[in-house]
Amino acid sequence: MNRELIALLECEQKKTVAILGRVKKEMKRMPDGRLEVSKTGGKYRQYIRVLHDKGTLKRKYIGKKEIGLAQRLAQKEYDEKLRCVAETLVDTLSNLAEALKQYDIEKVYAEESEARRELIIPVIPNDEQFIRGWYEEHPGNGNSYEMITSYTTLRGEKVRSKSEKMIADAYYTASIPYVYEPALHLRTGRTVYPDFAVLDTVRRRTMYHEHFGLMDDEEYRVGCIRKIRSYNDAGLWSGETMIYTFEGGEVPFDQEELERMIEKYFR
């Protein structure tokens, strides 16, 4: 349950640590002293306050020709505030991630004995239960259109093209649940049959994968555009719910690109 949130927290922590590193590096280049700003006659006047050797503060006016000094002093004080906030945020994110790891609701069921688990209905299904329910809710092979040619996947099912076999085998090899040609009822009222429905077990979301394999054919390309727009009209956007892959005579199917997509969307 907490995996996605923990991953987001750890990602945010890394970004904040990087910001903190840049700020600390920049602060080392800043001049000594503090900036003081006052407003006289509707105009701002900048001063620099520097600690004197005898422990007293020395105040000096910064003229227009030295405005760069005022800018650097202002930047330094901003960086100091940012450093304090970033350091606190890094510690807070780290502590929260550790707490989520320690207090994982799913572990309560997982740590019960096998005999007890058989008697309990968990509030949150574990991955195995969730995947089983997902397959029941997303039956495949809904497209009744005649399959003229077929290729057998590693899972032993028939698909319509060699590229679809490669896609199915990539999901199967990566242990990612998928079904072939499920019925998808769009909110526009249409029912379509995307090539694959794929389960993101980390975020527990369903994504749909359409492969467009004849991009050299003009009529086919027009159909592709219309199909993508129909998904957009239904609120199914690329990268959020939809995955698209393409190929043509001069641009063959890219297996490595698919593997990078799998890494991006399902890990």
Protein backbone atom coordinates (compact mmCIF):
# COMPACT_ATOMS: atom_id res chain seq x y z
CA MET A 1 0.00 0.00 0.00
CA ASN A 2 2.76 2.41 0.95
CA ARG A 3 5.23 1.57 -1.80
CA GLU A 4 4.23 4.34 -4.18
CA LEU A 5 4.12 6.93 -1.41
CA ILE A 6 7.50 5.81 -0.07
CA ALA A 7 8.96 6.02 -3.57
CA LEU A 8 7.56 9.56 -3.96
CA LEU A 9 8.98 10.60 -0.59
CA GLU A 10 12.40 9.17 -1.41
CA CYS A 11 12.35 10.88 -4.81
CA GLU A 12 11.43 14.21 -3.19
CA GLN A 13 14.17 13.68 -0.63
CA LYS A 14 16.78 13.16 -3.35
CA LYS A 15 15.66 16.34 -5.15
CA THR A 16 15.82 18.32 -1.90
CA VAL A 17 19.29 16.96 -1.09
CA ALA A 18 20.45 18.06 -4.55
CA ILE A 19 19.01 21.55 -3.99
CA LEU A 20 20.68 21.69 -0.59
CA GLY A 21 24.04 20.78 -2.12
CA ARG A 22 23.78 23.54 -4.72
CA VAL A 23 22.76 26.11 -2.12
CA LYS A 24 25.64 25.25 0.22
CA LYS A 25 28.11 25.45 -2.65
CA GLU A 26 26.78 28.84 -3.73
CA MET A 27 26.85 30.23 -0.19
CA LYS A 28 30.60 29.69 0.02
CA ARG A 29 31.05 32.24 -2.79
CA MET A 30 28.99 34.96 -1.12
CA PRO A 31 30.51 38.09 0.48
CA ASP A 32 30.56 38.75 4.23
CA GLY A 33 28.01 41.08 5.73
CA ARG A 34 24.25 41.49 5.90
CA LEU A 35 21.94 43.49 3.68
CA GLU A 36 19.81 46.27 5.10
CA VAL A 37 17.09 47.90 3.00
CA SER A 38 15.21 51.09 3.80
CA LYS A 39 12.70 53.16 1.88
CA THR A 40 13.10 56.90 1.61
CA GLY A 41 10.97 59.16 -0.59
CA GLY A 42 9.45 56.16 -2.33
CA LYS A 43 12.86 54.74 -3.25
CA TYR A 44 14.75 51.81 -1.79
CA ARG A 45 18.24 52.33 -0.41
CA GLN A 46 20.56 49.40 0.28
CA TYR A 47 23.24 49.19 2.96
CA ILE A 48 25.74 46.54 3.97
CA ARG A 49 26.39 45.76 7.61
CA VAL A 50 29.70 44.10 8.39
CA LEU A 51 30.95 42.98 11.77
CA HIS A 52 34.01 45.07 12.73
CA ASP A 53 37.14 43.49 14.19
CA LYS A 54 36.31 45.07 17.56
CA GLY A 55 32.87 43.47 17.60
CA THR A 56 30.91 46.47 16.39
CA LEU A 57 28.72 46.61 13.27
CA LYS A 58 29.79 48.88 10.46
CA ARG A 59 27.07 50.22 8.13
CA LYS A 60 27.88 51.37 4.60
CA TYR A 61 25.66 52.69 1.82
CA ILE A 62 25.59 50.65 -1.42
CA GLY A 63 25.44 52.92 -4.44
CA LYS A 64 24.01 52.17 -7.86
CA LYS A 65 27.41 51.13 -9.18
CA GLU A 66 27.61 48.45 -6.48
CA ILE A 67 24.09 47.10 -6.91
CA GLY A 68 25.61 43.71 -7.68
CA LEU A 69 26.83 43.56 -4.06
CA ALA A 70 23.28 44.17 -2.81
CA GLN A 71 22.00 41.41 -5.09
CA ARG A 72 24.58 38.93 -3.79
CA LEU A 73 23.83 39.80 -0.16
CA ALA A 74 20.09 39.37 -0.77
CA GLN A 75 20.77 36.06 -2.50
CA LYS A 76 22.95 34.92 0.42
CA GLU A 77 20.23 35.59 2.99
CA TYR A 78 17.65 33.87 0.78
CA ASP A 79 19.98 30.87 0.43
CA GLU A 80 20.43 30.72 4.20
CA LYS A 81 16.66 30.55 4.72
CA LEU A 82 16.35 27.98 1.96
CA ARG A 83 19.12 25.87 3.51
CA CYS A 84 17.30 25.76 6.86
CA VAL A 85 14.01 24.75 5.24
CA ALA A 86 15.68 22.16 3.00
CA GLU A 87 17.57 20.54 5.89
CA THR A 88 14.36 20.28 7.90
CA LEU A 89 12.49 18.90 4.89
CA VAL A 90 15.13 16.24 4.21
CA ASP A 91 14.91 15.00 7.82
CA THR A 92 11.10 15.09 7.77
CA LEU A 93 10.83 13.16 4.50
CA SER A 94 13.32 10.57 5.73
CA ASN A 95 11.46 10.07 9.01
CA LEU A 96 8.10 9.82 7.25
CA ALA A 97 9.40 7.24 4.76
CA GLU A 98 10.82 5.15 7.60
CA ALA A 99 7.52 5.39 9.49
CA LEU A 100 5.58 4.21 6.44
CA LYS A 101 7.95 1.26 6.07
CA GLN A 102 7.51 0.35 9.72
CA TYR A 103 3.74 0.83 9.93
CA ASP A 104 2.63 -0.90 6.75
CA ILE A 105 -1.04 -1.88 6.99
CA GLU A 106 -0.56 -4.74 4.53
CA LYS A 107 2.02 -6.34 6.83
CA VAL A 108 -0.64 -6.95 9.49
CA TYR A 109 -2.25 -9.57 7.26
CA ALA A 110 1.02 -10.86 5.82
CA GLU A 111 2.44 -11.55 9.30
CA GLU A 112 -0.52 -13.70 10.35
CA SER A 113 -0.04 -17.46 10.23
CA GLU A 114 -1.14 -19.32 7.11
CA ALA A 115 -3.97 -20.97 9.05
CA ARG A 116 -5.26 -17.59 10.23
CA ARG A 117 -4.91 -15.96 6.80
CA GLU A 118 -7.30 -18.58 5.42
CA LEU A 119 -9.94 -17.35 7.88
CA ILE A 120 -9.39 -13.60 7.45
CA ILE A 121 -10.62 -11.23 4.75
CA PRO A 122 -8.00 -8.46 4.69
CA VAL A 123 -9.18 -4.87 4.48
CA ILE A 124 -6.56 -4.29 1.79
CA PRO A 125 -5.93 -7.28 -0.51
CA ASN A 126 -2.32 -8.30 -0.95
CA ASP A 127 -0.75 -8.29 -4.41
CA GLU A 128 -1.73 -11.87 -5.18
CA GLN A 129 -5.36 -11.25 -4.24
CA PHE A 130 -5.47 -7.94 -6.07
CA ILE A 131 -4.04 -9.43 -9.26
CA ARG A 132 -6.51 -12.31 -9.15
CA GLY A 133 -9.39 -9.86 -8.80
CA TRP A 134 -7.97 -7.70 -11.60
CA TYR A 135 -7.95 -10.65 -14.01
CA GLU A 136 -11.58 -11.37 -13.13
CA GLU A 137 -12.54 -7.75 -13.82
CA HIS A 138 -10.54 -7.52 -17.06
CA PRO A 139 -11.23 -10.58 -19.25
CA GLY A 140 -9.23 -10.69 -22.45
CA ASN A 141 -9.91 -11.76 -26.04
CA GLY A 142 -12.96 -9.55 -26.31
CA ASN A 143 -12.38 -8.61 -29.95
CA SER A 144 -14.43 -10.88 -32.22
CA TYR A 145 -12.68 -9.66 -35.40
CA GLU A 146 -11.25 -12.59 -37.33
CA MET A 147 -7.60 -13.39 -36.57
CA ILE A 148 -6.18 -14.09 -40.04
CA THR A 149 -2.60 -14.68 -38.89
CA SER A 150 -1.51 -15.58 -35.38
CA TYR A 151 1.60 -15.86 -33.23
CA THR A 152 1.84 -17.81 -29.99
CA THR A 153 3.15 -15.99 -26.93
CA LEU A 154 5.25 -17.42 -24.14
CA ARG A 155 2.05 -17.65 -22.11
CA GLY A 156 0.53 -19.82 -24.83
CA GLU A 157 -2.08 -17.43 -26.23
CA LYS A 158 -2.64 -16.30 -29.80
CA VAL A 159 -2.01 -12.69 -30.91
CA ARG A 160 -2.32 -11.05 -34.31
CA SER A 161 1.22 -9.90 -35.06
CA LYS A 162 4.85 -10.61 -34.32
CA SER A 163 5.22 -7.26 -32.57
CA GLU A 164 2.23 -7.99 -30.34
CA LYS A 165 3.89 -11.28 -29.42
CA MET A 166 7.06 -9.38 -28.49
CA ILE A 167 5.04 -6.98 -26.36
CA ALA A 168 3.13 -9.77 -24.62
CA ASP A 169 6.35 -11.70 -24.00
CA ALA A 170 8.04 -8.60 -22.56
CA TYR A 171 5.22 -8.14 -20.03
CA TYR A 172 5.21 -11.85 -19.24
CA THR A 173 8.99 -11.97 -18.75
CA ALA A 174 8.79 -8.92 -16.47
CA SER A 175 6.02 -10.63 -14.42
CA ILE A 176 3.58 -7.84 -15.21
CA PRO A 177 -0.11 -8.93 -15.43
CA TYR A 178 -1.72 -8.27 -18.79
CA VAL A 179 -4.66 -9.37 -20.94
CA TYR A 180 -4.96 -9.29 -24.71
CA GLU A 181 -7.70 -7.29 -26.47
CA PRO A 182 -10.00 -6.55 -23.52
CA ALA A 183 -13.29 -4.71 -24.00
CA LEU A 184 -12.92 -1.09 -22.91
CA HIS A 185 -16.12 0.92 -22.51
CA LEU A 186 -15.33 4.58 -23.06
CA ARG A 187 -17.30 7.28 -21.30
CA THR A 188 -18.25 8.56 -24.75
CA GLY A 189 -20.39 5.45 -25.17
CA ARG A 190 -18.08 3.57 -27.52
CA THR A 191 -16.62 0.14 -26.81
CA VAL A 192 -13.10 -0.43 -28.12
CA TYR A 193 -10.60 -3.24 -27.90
CA PRO A 194 -7.08 -1.98 -27.16
CA ASP A 195 -4.26 -4.42 -27.81
CA PHE A 196 -3.48 -4.89 -24.11
CA ALA A 197 -4.70 -4.01 -20.65
CA VAL A 198 -1.74 -3.99 -18.28
CA LEU A 199 -1.75 -3.83 -14.48
CA ASP A 200 0.65 -1.54 -12.67
CA THR A 201 0.87 -3.48 -9.40
CA VAL A 202 2.93 -0.79 -7.66
CA ARG A 203 0.27 1.93 -8.10
CA ARG A 204 -2.59 -0.53 -8.61
CA ARG A 205 -3.79 1.15 -11.78
CA THR A 206 -4.79 -0.24 -15.15
CA MET A 207 -3.06 1.02 -18.28
CA TYR A 208 -3.89 0.24 -21.90
CA HIS A 209 -1.28 -0.42 -24.57
CA GLU A 210 -1.99 0.23 -28.23
CA HIS A 211 0.58 -0.79 -30.82
CA PHE A 212 0.35 0.81 -34.26
CA GLY A 213 2.28 -1.40 -36.63
CA LEU A 214 1.57 -0.19 -40.18
CA MET A 215 2.58 3.45 -40.02
CA ASP A 216 3.73 3.44 -43.68
CA ASP A 217 0.11 3.10 -44.78
CA GLU A 218 -1.64 6.47 -45.07
CA GLU A 219 -5.15 5.15 -44.40
CA TYR A 220 -3.85 3.27 -41.35
CA ARG A 221 -2.15 6.44 -40.03
CA VAL A 222 -5.41 8.36 -40.30
CA GLY A 223 -7.12 5.61 -38.32
CA CYS A 224 -4.39 5.78 -35.69
CA ILE A 225 -4.88 9.51 -35.22
CA ARG A 226 -8.61 9.06 -34.89
CA LYS A 227 -8.18 6.25 -32.37
CA ILE A 228 -5.75 8.29 -30.24
CA ARG A 229 -8.13 11.26 -30.32
CA SER A 230 -11.00 9.03 -29.25
CA TYR A 231 -8.95 7.98 -26.22
CA ASN A 232 -8.14 11.64 -25.49
CA ASP A 233 -11.83 12.54 -25.76
CA ALA A 234 -12.56 9.82 -23.19
CA GLY A 235 -9.96 11.27 -20.81
CA LEU A 236 -7.45 8.47 -21.38
CA TRP A 237 -4.18 10.28 -21.89
CA SER A 238 -0.80 9.03 -23.03
CA GLY A 239 1.52 8.37 -20.11
CA GLU A 240 -1.34 8.36 -17.61
CA THR A 241 -3.67 5.60 -18.84
CA MET A 242 -2.43 4.91 -22.38
CA ILE A 243 0.84 3.56 -23.75
CA TYR A 244 1.52 3.83 -27.48
CA THR A 245 4.18 2.10 -29.55
CA PHE A 246 4.71 2.47 -33.28
CA GLU A 247 6.55 0.90 -36.19
CA GLY A 248 6.80 1.13 -39.96
CA GLY A 249 8.87 -0.21 -42.81
CA GLU A 250 11.77 2.16 -42.18
CA VAL A 251 11.31 2.21 -38.40
CA PRO A 252 11.05 -1.34 -37.01
CA PHE A 253 9.65 -2.22 -33.60
CA ASP A 254 12.08 -1.18 -30.84
CA GLN A 255 12.29 -3.82 -28.10
CA GLU A 256 14.67 -1.71 -26.01
CA GLU A 257 12.25 1.22 -26.10
CA LEU A 258 9.48 -1.06 -24.82
CA GLU A 259 11.72 -2.24 -21.97
CA ARG A 260 12.38 1.39 -21.01
CA MET A 261 8.63 2.04 -21.03
CA ILE A 262 8.07 -0.95 -18.76
CA GLU A 263 10.70 0.38 -16.39
CA LYS A 264 9.11 3.82 -16.40
CA TYR A 265 5.46 2.86 -16.00
CA PHE A 266 5.52 -0.37 -13.98
CA ARG A 267 8.49 -0.17 -11.59
